[in-house]
Amino acid sequence: MKKVRANANLIFSACIFLISLIYLFDGKDLVLGTMKRPGVGFLPIVSGVLLAVLSLFEIVKALLSKKDAEINIDWKKIATFFAGVIADMLLLKPLGYIITTFALLVFLTKLFGAKSWVKPLIFSAVMSLGSYYLFIVALQVQLP
């Protein structure tokens, strides 16, 4: 782990801003609609813009505060996290939602410090099956 002197709020806000821009770019083809008849892109676009604006405010606030702190950055853990998420994206269609979501959640809970295997396995099973049930049965939304 490498200790770095940085403004953690600035780094976090900049990451959230970048994620919101990617989110908005991904949803650029969605139909916004009108206030009376919102389209499928209304909520994603509005929430993406709101997230971008709020994160910009936090970036400005962090730049004005100039409070740096020494933080530990574990680059290996960050790279492992991104490798897991990319693997999840690549395996989602061939393996399906339940299997990849379960595997990703087990992987992430172990990566970020779960000591045993029992809790991550139970947590991952409940979350992957619960979210599947929520989207497929309750909300009737098609998943990959």
N, C-alpha and C. Protein backbone atom coordinates (compact mmCIF):
# COMPACT_ATOMS: atom_id res chain seq x y z
N MET A 1 0.83 -1.17 0.00
CA MET A 1 0.00 0.00 0.00
C MET A 1 0.88 1.24 0.00
N LYS A 2 0.52 2.17 -0.81
CA LYS A 2 1.30 3.39 -0.93
C LYS A 2 0.52 4.54 -0.28
N LYS A 3 1.22 5.29 0.57
CA LYS A 3 0.58 6.46 1.18
C LYS A 3 0.75 7.66 0.24
N VAL A 4 -0.36 8.33 0.00
CA VAL A 4 -0.37 9.47 -0.91
C VAL A 4 -1.03 10.64 -0.20
N ARG A 5 -0.51 11.81 -0.42
CA ARG A 5 -1.13 13.01 0.14
C ARG A 5 -2.11 13.53 -0.90
N ALA A 6 -3.40 13.54 -0.56
CA ALA A 6 -4.41 13.92 -1.53
C ALA A 6 -5.67 14.39 -0.83
N ASN A 7 -6.52 15.03 -1.58
CA ASN A 7 -7.82 15.46 -1.09
C ASN A 7 -8.82 14.36 -1.47
N ALA A 8 -9.18 13.55 -0.49
CA ALA A 8 -10.05 12.39 -0.75
C ALA A 8 -11.41 12.82 -1.30
N ASN A 9 -11.96 13.93 -0.80
CA ASN A 9 -13.26 14.41 -1.30
C ASN A 9 -13.16 14.81 -2.77
N LEU A 10 -12.06 15.40 -3.15
CA LEU A 10 -11.87 15.79 -4.55
C LEU A 10 -11.77 14.55 -5.44
N ILE A 11 -11.01 13.57 -5.01
CA ILE A 11 -10.85 12.34 -5.79
C ILE A 11 -12.19 11.62 -5.93
N PHE A 12 -12.91 11.49 -4.82
CA PHE A 12 -14.20 10.80 -4.86
C PHE A 12 -15.19 11.54 -5.75
N SER A 13 -15.28 12.85 -5.59
CA SER A 13 -16.22 13.65 -6.39
C SER A 13 -15.87 13.60 -7.87
N ALA A 14 -14.58 13.62 -8.19
CA ALA A 14 -14.17 13.54 -9.59
C ALA A 14 -14.53 12.17 -10.18
N CYS A 15 -14.38 11.12 -9.40
CA CYS A 15 -14.77 9.77 -9.87
C CYS A 15 -16.28 9.69 -10.11
N ILE A 16 -17.05 10.25 -9.19
CA ILE A 16 -18.52 10.25 -9.35
C ILE A 16 -18.90 11.07 -10.58
N PHE A 17 -18.24 12.19 -10.80
CA PHE A 17 -18.52 13.00 -11.98
C PHE A 17 -18.21 12.22 -13.26
N LEU A 18 -17.08 11.53 -13.28
CA LEU A 18 -16.72 10.73 -14.44
C LEU A 18 -17.74 9.61 -14.68
N ILE A 19 -18.16 8.96 -13.62
CA ILE A 19 -19.17 7.90 -13.74
C ILE A 19 -20.48 8.46 -14.28
N SER A 20 -20.87 9.65 -13.81
CA SER A 20 -22.12 10.25 -14.30
C SER A 20 -22.02 10.61 -15.78
N LEU A 21 -20.84 11.05 -16.23
CA LEU A 21 -20.67 11.34 -17.66
C LEU A 21 -20.75 10.07 -18.51
N ILE A 22 -20.14 9.00 -18.02
CA ILE A 22 -20.23 7.72 -18.73
C ILE A 22 -21.68 7.24 -18.77
N TYR A 23 -22.36 7.38 -17.64
CA TYR A 23 -23.78 7.00 -17.54
C TYR A 23 -24.63 7.79 -18.53
N LEU A 24 -24.40 9.10 -18.60
CA LEU A 24 -25.15 9.94 -19.53
C LEU A 24 -24.81 9.60 -20.99
N PHE A 25 -23.54 9.33 -21.26
CA PHE A 25 -23.16 8.97 -22.62
C PHE A 25 -23.83 7.66 -23.03
N ASP A 26 -23.88 6.71 -22.10
CA ASP A 26 -24.52 5.43 -22.39
C ASP A 26 -26.02 5.59 -22.65
N GLY A 27 -26.65 6.56 -22.00
CA GLY A 27 -28.08 6.76 -22.16
C GLY A 27 -28.47 7.82 -23.17
N LYS A 28 -27.50 8.25 -23.99
CA LYS A 28 -27.76 9.35 -24.92
C LYS A 28 -28.82 9.03 -25.97
N ASP A 29 -29.03 7.75 -26.25
CA ASP A 29 -30.01 7.37 -27.28
C ASP A 29 -31.40 7.12 -26.71
N LEU A 30 -31.55 7.21 -25.40
CA LEU A 30 -32.86 7.00 -24.78
C LEU A 30 -33.77 8.20 -25.04
N VAL A 31 -35.05 7.94 -25.19
CA VAL A 31 -36.01 9.00 -25.48
C VAL A 31 -36.37 9.70 -24.17
N LEU A 32 -36.17 11.02 -24.14
CA LEU A 32 -36.46 11.80 -22.94
C LEU A 32 -37.95 11.99 -22.74
N GLY A 33 -38.67 12.28 -23.79
CA GLY A 33 -40.11 12.51 -23.69
C GLY A 33 -40.42 13.90 -23.17
N THR A 34 -41.63 14.08 -22.67
CA THR A 34 -42.06 15.37 -22.12
C THR A 34 -42.43 15.18 -20.66
N MET A 35 -42.77 16.28 -19.99
CA MET A 35 -43.18 16.19 -18.59
C MET A 35 -44.50 15.43 -18.46
N LYS A 36 -45.40 15.59 -19.46
CA LYS A 36 -46.68 14.88 -19.40
C LYS A 36 -46.53 13.41 -19.79
N ARG A 37 -45.65 13.15 -20.74
CA ARG A 37 -45.41 11.77 -21.20
C ARG A 37 -43.92 11.49 -21.20
N PRO A 38 -43.37 11.22 -20.02
CA PRO A 38 -41.93 10.95 -19.98
C PRO A 38 -41.58 9.67 -20.72
N GLY A 39 -40.45 9.73 -21.42
CA GLY A 39 -39.99 8.55 -22.16
C GLY A 39 -39.14 7.65 -21.26
N VAL A 40 -38.61 6.60 -21.86
CA VAL A 40 -37.82 5.64 -21.10
C VAL A 40 -36.52 6.25 -20.58
N GLY A 41 -36.08 7.33 -21.19
CA GLY A 41 -34.83 7.96 -20.76
C GLY A 41 -35.00 9.08 -19.77
N PHE A 42 -36.24 9.38 -19.40
CA PHE A 42 -36.46 10.54 -18.52
C PHE A 42 -35.74 10.38 -17.18
N LEU A 43 -36.01 9.32 -16.46
CA LEU A 43 -35.39 9.13 -15.15
C LEU A 43 -33.88 8.94 -15.24
N PRO A 44 -33.36 8.10 -16.15
CA PRO A 44 -31.91 7.97 -16.24
C PRO A 44 -31.20 9.27 -16.60
N ILE A 45 -31.75 10.03 -17.53
CA ILE A 45 -31.10 11.27 -17.96
C ILE A 45 -31.17 12.32 -16.86
N VAL A 46 -32.33 12.48 -16.25
CA VAL A 46 -32.47 13.47 -15.17
C VAL A 46 -31.57 13.11 -13.99
N SER A 47 -31.55 11.84 -13.61
CA SER A 47 -30.70 11.45 -12.48
C SER A 47 -29.22 11.57 -12.83
N GLY A 48 -28.84 11.27 -14.06
CA GLY A 48 -27.45 11.43 -14.49
C GLY A 48 -27.00 12.88 -14.48
N VAL A 49 -27.86 13.77 -14.97
CA VAL A 49 -27.54 15.21 -14.96
C VAL A 49 -27.46 15.71 -13.51
N LEU A 50 -28.39 15.30 -12.68
CA LEU A 50 -28.38 15.70 -11.27
C LEU A 50 -27.11 15.22 -10.58
N LEU A 51 -26.72 13.99 -10.83
CA LEU A 51 -25.50 13.44 -10.25
C LEU A 51 -24.27 14.22 -10.73
N ALA A 52 -24.22 14.56 -12.00
CA ALA A 52 -23.09 15.32 -12.55
C ALA A 52 -23.01 16.71 -11.93
N VAL A 53 -24.14 17.38 -11.83
CA VAL A 53 -24.17 18.74 -11.26
C VAL A 53 -23.76 18.72 -9.79
N LEU A 54 -24.32 17.79 -9.02
CA LEU A 54 -23.99 17.71 -7.60
C LEU A 54 -22.52 17.35 -7.38
N SER A 55 -21.99 16.47 -8.21
CA SER A 55 -20.58 16.12 -8.06
C SER A 55 -19.68 17.29 -8.45
N LEU A 56 -20.12 18.10 -9.42
CA LEU A 56 -19.36 19.31 -9.76
C LEU A 56 -19.32 20.28 -8.59
N PHE A 57 -20.45 20.44 -7.90
CA PHE A 57 -20.47 21.29 -6.70
C PHE A 57 -19.49 20.77 -5.66
N GLU A 58 -19.44 19.46 -5.48
CA GLU A 58 -18.53 18.87 -4.51
C GLU A 58 -17.07 19.03 -4.94
N ILE A 59 -16.81 18.99 -6.24
CA ILE A 59 -15.45 19.22 -6.74
C ILE A 59 -15.01 20.64 -6.42
N VAL A 60 -15.88 21.62 -6.69
CA VAL A 60 -15.57 23.01 -6.40
C VAL A 60 -15.35 23.20 -4.90
N LYS A 61 -16.22 22.61 -4.10
CA LYS A 61 -16.09 22.71 -2.65
C LYS A 61 -14.77 22.11 -2.17
N ALA A 62 -14.39 20.96 -2.73
CA ALA A 62 -13.14 20.32 -2.35
C ALA A 62 -11.93 21.14 -2.78
N LEU A 63 -12.02 21.76 -3.96
CA LEU A 63 -10.91 22.61 -4.42
C LEU A 63 -10.74 23.84 -3.55
N LEU A 64 -11.84 24.38 -3.08
CA LEU A 64 -11.77 25.57 -2.23
C LEU A 64 -11.30 25.25 -0.81
N SER A 65 -11.57 24.05 -0.33
CA SER A 65 -11.20 23.71 1.04
C SER A 65 -9.70 23.42 1.18
N LYS A 66 -9.10 22.83 0.18
CA LYS A 66 -7.67 22.51 0.16
C LYS A 66 -7.23 21.74 1.40
N LYS A 67 -8.08 20.82 1.85
CA LYS A 67 -7.72 19.97 2.98
C LYS A 67 -7.19 18.65 2.45
N ASP A 68 -5.88 18.55 2.45
CA ASP A 68 -5.26 17.30 2.02
C ASP A 68 -5.05 16.41 3.23
N ALA A 69 -5.14 15.14 3.01
CA ALA A 69 -4.88 14.17 4.06
C ALA A 69 -4.07 13.04 3.46
N GLU A 70 -3.38 12.34 4.33
CA GLU A 70 -2.61 11.19 3.87
C GLU A 70 -3.53 9.99 3.82
N ILE A 71 -3.69 9.44 2.64
CA ILE A 71 -4.57 8.28 2.47
C ILE A 71 -3.76 7.12 1.92
N ASN A 72 -4.20 5.92 2.26
CA ASN A 72 -3.55 4.72 1.75
C ASN A 72 -4.28 4.27 0.49
N ILE A 73 -3.53 4.08 -0.56
CA ILE A 73 -4.11 3.60 -1.81
C ILE A 73 -3.50 2.25 -2.13
N ASP A 74 -4.35 1.25 -2.19
CA ASP A 74 -3.92 -0.10 -2.54
C ASP A 74 -4.24 -0.32 -4.01
N TRP A 75 -3.27 -0.01 -4.87
CA TRP A 75 -3.48 -0.06 -6.31
C TRP A 75 -3.78 -1.47 -6.78
N LYS A 76 -3.22 -2.47 -6.11
CA LYS A 76 -3.48 -3.86 -6.48
C LYS A 76 -4.96 -4.20 -6.26
N LYS A 77 -5.51 -3.73 -5.16
CA LYS A 77 -6.92 -3.99 -4.86
C LYS A 77 -7.82 -3.25 -5.85
N ILE A 78 -7.44 -2.06 -6.21
CA ILE A 78 -8.23 -1.28 -7.18
C ILE A 78 -8.20 -1.97 -8.55
N ALA A 79 -7.03 -2.43 -8.97
CA ALA A 79 -6.91 -3.13 -10.26
C ALA A 79 -7.70 -4.44 -10.23
N THR A 80 -7.65 -5.15 -9.09
CA THR A 80 -8.40 -6.40 -8.96
C THR A 80 -9.90 -6.14 -9.02
N PHE A 81 -10.35 -5.05 -8.39
CA PHE A 81 -11.77 -4.66 -8.44
C PHE A 81 -12.22 -4.45 -9.88
N PHE A 82 -11.45 -3.65 -10.62
CA PHE A 82 -11.83 -3.36 -12.02
C PHE A 82 -11.77 -4.62 -12.88
N ALA A 83 -10.81 -5.50 -12.63
CA ALA A 83 -10.73 -6.75 -13.38
C ALA A 83 -11.98 -7.60 -13.12
N GLY A 84 -12.44 -7.63 -11.87
CA GLY A 84 -13.66 -8.38 -11.54
C GLY A 84 -14.89 -7.82 -12.21
N VAL A 85 -15.01 -6.50 -12.23
CA VAL A 85 -16.17 -5.86 -12.85
C VAL A 85 -16.15 -6.07 -14.37
N ILE A 86 -14.98 -5.98 -14.97
CA ILE A 86 -14.87 -6.21 -16.42
C ILE A 86 -15.19 -7.66 -16.75
N ALA A 87 -14.70 -8.58 -15.93
CA ALA A 87 -15.01 -10.00 -16.14
C ALA A 87 -16.52 -10.23 -16.03
N ASP A 88 -17.16 -9.56 -15.07
CA ASP A 88 -18.61 -9.67 -14.92
C ASP A 88 -19.33 -9.19 -16.18
N MET A 89 -18.88 -8.07 -16.72
CA MET A 89 -19.51 -7.55 -17.93
C MET A 89 -19.34 -8.50 -19.11
N LEU A 90 -18.17 -9.11 -19.22
CA LEU A 90 -17.91 -10.01 -20.34
C LEU A 90 -18.65 -11.34 -20.21
N LEU A 91 -18.89 -11.77 -18.98
CA LEU A 91 -19.53 -13.07 -18.75
C LEU A 91 -21.03 -12.99 -18.55
N LEU A 92 -21.58 -11.79 -18.50
CA LEU A 92 -23.00 -11.62 -18.21
C LEU A 92 -23.90 -12.32 -19.23
N LYS A 93 -23.66 -12.11 -20.50
CA LYS A 93 -24.51 -12.75 -21.52
C LYS A 93 -24.31 -14.27 -21.59
N PRO A 94 -23.07 -14.76 -21.62
CA PRO A 94 -22.93 -16.22 -21.72
C PRO A 94 -23.40 -16.99 -20.48
N LEU A 95 -23.19 -16.44 -19.30
CA LEU A 95 -23.53 -17.18 -18.08
C LEU A 95 -24.87 -16.78 -17.46
N GLY A 96 -25.35 -15.59 -17.77
CA GLY A 96 -26.63 -15.14 -17.22
C GLY A 96 -26.47 -14.27 -15.99
N TYR A 97 -27.56 -13.61 -15.65
CA TYR A 97 -27.56 -12.61 -14.57
C TYR A 97 -27.28 -13.22 -13.21
N ILE A 98 -27.98 -14.28 -12.86
CA ILE A 98 -27.87 -14.83 -11.50
C ILE A 98 -26.46 -15.33 -11.22
N ILE A 99 -25.88 -16.07 -12.12
CA ILE A 99 -24.55 -16.64 -11.89
C ILE A 99 -23.49 -15.55 -11.81
N THR A 100 -23.50 -14.60 -12.76
CA THR A 100 -22.46 -13.57 -12.76
C THR A 100 -22.63 -12.61 -11.58
N THR A 101 -23.87 -12.28 -11.23
CA THR A 101 -24.09 -11.40 -10.08
C THR A 101 -23.64 -12.09 -8.79
N PHE A 102 -23.99 -13.35 -8.64
CA PHE A 102 -23.56 -14.12 -7.47
C PHE A 102 -22.03 -14.15 -7.39
N ALA A 103 -21.38 -14.48 -8.49
CA ALA A 103 -19.91 -14.59 -8.50
C ALA A 103 -19.25 -13.24 -8.22
N LEU A 104 -19.78 -12.17 -8.82
CA LEU A 104 -19.20 -10.84 -8.59
C LEU A 104 -19.34 -10.43 -7.12
N LEU A 105 -20.50 -10.67 -6.54
CA LEU A 105 -20.70 -10.29 -5.14
C LEU A 105 -19.82 -11.09 -4.19
N VAL A 106 -19.65 -12.39 -4.45
CA VAL A 106 -18.72 -13.19 -3.64
C VAL A 106 -17.31 -12.64 -3.78
N PHE A 107 -16.91 -12.39 -5.01
CA PHE A 107 -15.58 -11.85 -5.29
C PHE A 107 -15.34 -10.53 -4.57
N LEU A 108 -16.30 -9.61 -4.66
CA LEU A 108 -16.12 -8.29 -4.06
C LEU A 108 -16.15 -8.34 -2.53
N THR A 109 -17.02 -9.17 -1.95
CA THR A 109 -17.04 -9.24 -0.48
C THR A 109 -15.75 -9.85 0.05
N LYS A 110 -15.19 -10.83 -0.65
CA LYS A 110 -13.90 -11.39 -0.23
C LYS A 110 -12.77 -10.39 -0.46
N LEU A 111 -12.82 -9.68 -1.57
CA LEU A 111 -11.78 -8.70 -1.88
C LEU A 111 -11.72 -7.60 -0.82
N PHE A 112 -12.88 -7.18 -0.35
CA PHE A 112 -12.92 -6.06 0.60
C PHE A 112 -13.01 -6.50 2.05
N GLY A 113 -12.55 -7.73 2.34
CA GLY A 113 -12.28 -8.05 3.72
C GLY A 113 -13.12 -9.08 4.42
N ALA A 114 -14.04 -9.75 3.77
CA ALA A 114 -14.80 -10.79 4.46
C ALA A 114 -13.85 -11.92 4.85
N LYS A 115 -13.91 -12.30 6.12
CA LYS A 115 -12.98 -13.32 6.62
C LYS A 115 -13.43 -14.74 6.28
N SER A 116 -14.69 -15.03 6.46
CA SER A 116 -15.17 -16.39 6.21
C SER A 116 -15.77 -16.47 4.81
N TRP A 117 -16.21 -17.66 4.45
CA TRP A 117 -16.89 -17.86 3.18
C TRP A 117 -18.40 -17.92 3.34
N VAL A 118 -18.86 -18.18 4.55
CA VAL A 118 -20.30 -18.40 4.78
C VAL A 118 -21.09 -17.12 4.52
N LYS A 119 -20.71 -16.03 5.15
CA LYS A 119 -21.46 -14.77 4.99
C LYS A 119 -21.45 -14.26 3.55
N PRO A 120 -20.30 -14.23 2.87
CA PRO A 120 -20.33 -13.80 1.46
C PRO A 120 -21.21 -14.67 0.57
N LEU A 121 -21.19 -15.98 0.81
CA LEU A 121 -22.02 -16.88 -0.01
C LEU A 121 -23.50 -16.64 0.24
N ILE A 122 -23.88 -16.48 1.51
CA ILE A 122 -25.29 -16.22 1.84
C ILE A 122 -25.71 -14.86 1.30
N PHE A 123 -24.90 -13.84 1.57
CA PHE A 123 -25.19 -12.48 1.10
C PHE A 123 -25.35 -12.46 -0.42
N SER A 124 -24.42 -13.08 -1.13
CA SER A 124 -24.44 -13.07 -2.60
C SER A 124 -25.65 -13.82 -3.14
N ALA A 125 -25.99 -14.94 -2.52
CA ALA A 125 -27.16 -15.70 -2.96
C ALA A 125 -28.44 -14.90 -2.76
N VAL A 126 -28.58 -14.29 -1.58
CA VAL A 126 -29.79 -13.50 -1.29
C VAL A 126 -29.89 -12.30 -2.23
N MET A 127 -28.78 -11.61 -2.44
CA MET A 127 -28.81 -10.40 -3.29
C MET A 127 -29.04 -10.74 -4.76
N SER A 128 -28.38 -11.77 -5.28
CA SER A 128 -28.56 -12.10 -6.70
C SER A 128 -29.95 -12.67 -6.97
N LEU A 129 -30.42 -13.57 -6.11
CA LEU A 129 -31.77 -14.12 -6.30
C LEU A 129 -32.84 -13.08 -5.99
N GLY A 130 -32.61 -12.28 -4.96
CA GLY A 130 -33.58 -11.23 -4.61
C GLY A 130 -33.72 -10.18 -5.69
N SER A 131 -32.60 -9.73 -6.24
CA SER A 131 -32.67 -8.73 -7.31
C SER A 131 -33.28 -9.32 -8.57
N TYR A 132 -32.97 -10.59 -8.85
CA TYR A 132 -33.58 -11.27 -10.00
C TYR A 132 -35.09 -11.32 -9.83
N TYR A 133 -35.54 -11.74 -8.65
CA TYR A 133 -36.97 -11.81 -8.37
C TYR A 133 -37.62 -10.42 -8.47
N LEU A 134 -36.95 -9.41 -7.91
CA LEU A 134 -37.48 -8.05 -7.94
C LEU A 134 -37.68 -7.58 -9.38
N PHE A 135 -36.66 -7.75 -10.23
CA PHE A 135 -36.76 -7.25 -11.60
C PHE A 135 -37.66 -8.11 -12.48
N ILE A 136 -37.51 -9.42 -12.42
CA ILE A 136 -38.27 -10.30 -13.32
C ILE A 136 -39.73 -10.44 -12.89
N VAL A 137 -39.96 -10.73 -11.62
CA VAL A 137 -41.33 -11.01 -11.17
C VAL A 137 -42.07 -9.73 -10.77
N ALA A 138 -41.49 -8.96 -9.88
CA ALA A 138 -42.20 -7.79 -9.36
C ALA A 138 -42.30 -6.66 -10.38
N LEU A 139 -41.19 -6.30 -10.99
CA LEU A 139 -41.19 -5.17 -11.92
C LEU A 139 -41.37 -5.59 -13.38
N GLN A 140 -41.26 -6.86 -13.67
CA GLN A 140 -41.40 -7.43 -15.00
C GLN A 140 -40.48 -6.74 -16.02
N VAL A 141 -39.20 -6.64 -15.62
CA VAL A 141 -38.18 -6.05 -16.47
C VAL A 141 -37.27 -7.18 -16.94
N GLN A 142 -36.94 -7.20 -18.22
CA GLN A 142 -36.10 -8.24 -18.76
C GLN A 142 -34.65 -7.99 -18.37
N LEU A 143 -33.98 -9.03 -17.89
CA LEU A 143 -32.56 -8.97 -17.57
C LEU A 143 -31.78 -9.80 -18.58
N PRO A 144 -30.47 -9.52 -18.72
CA PRO A 144 -29.66 -10.31 -19.66
C PRO A 144 -29.56 -11.76 -19.22
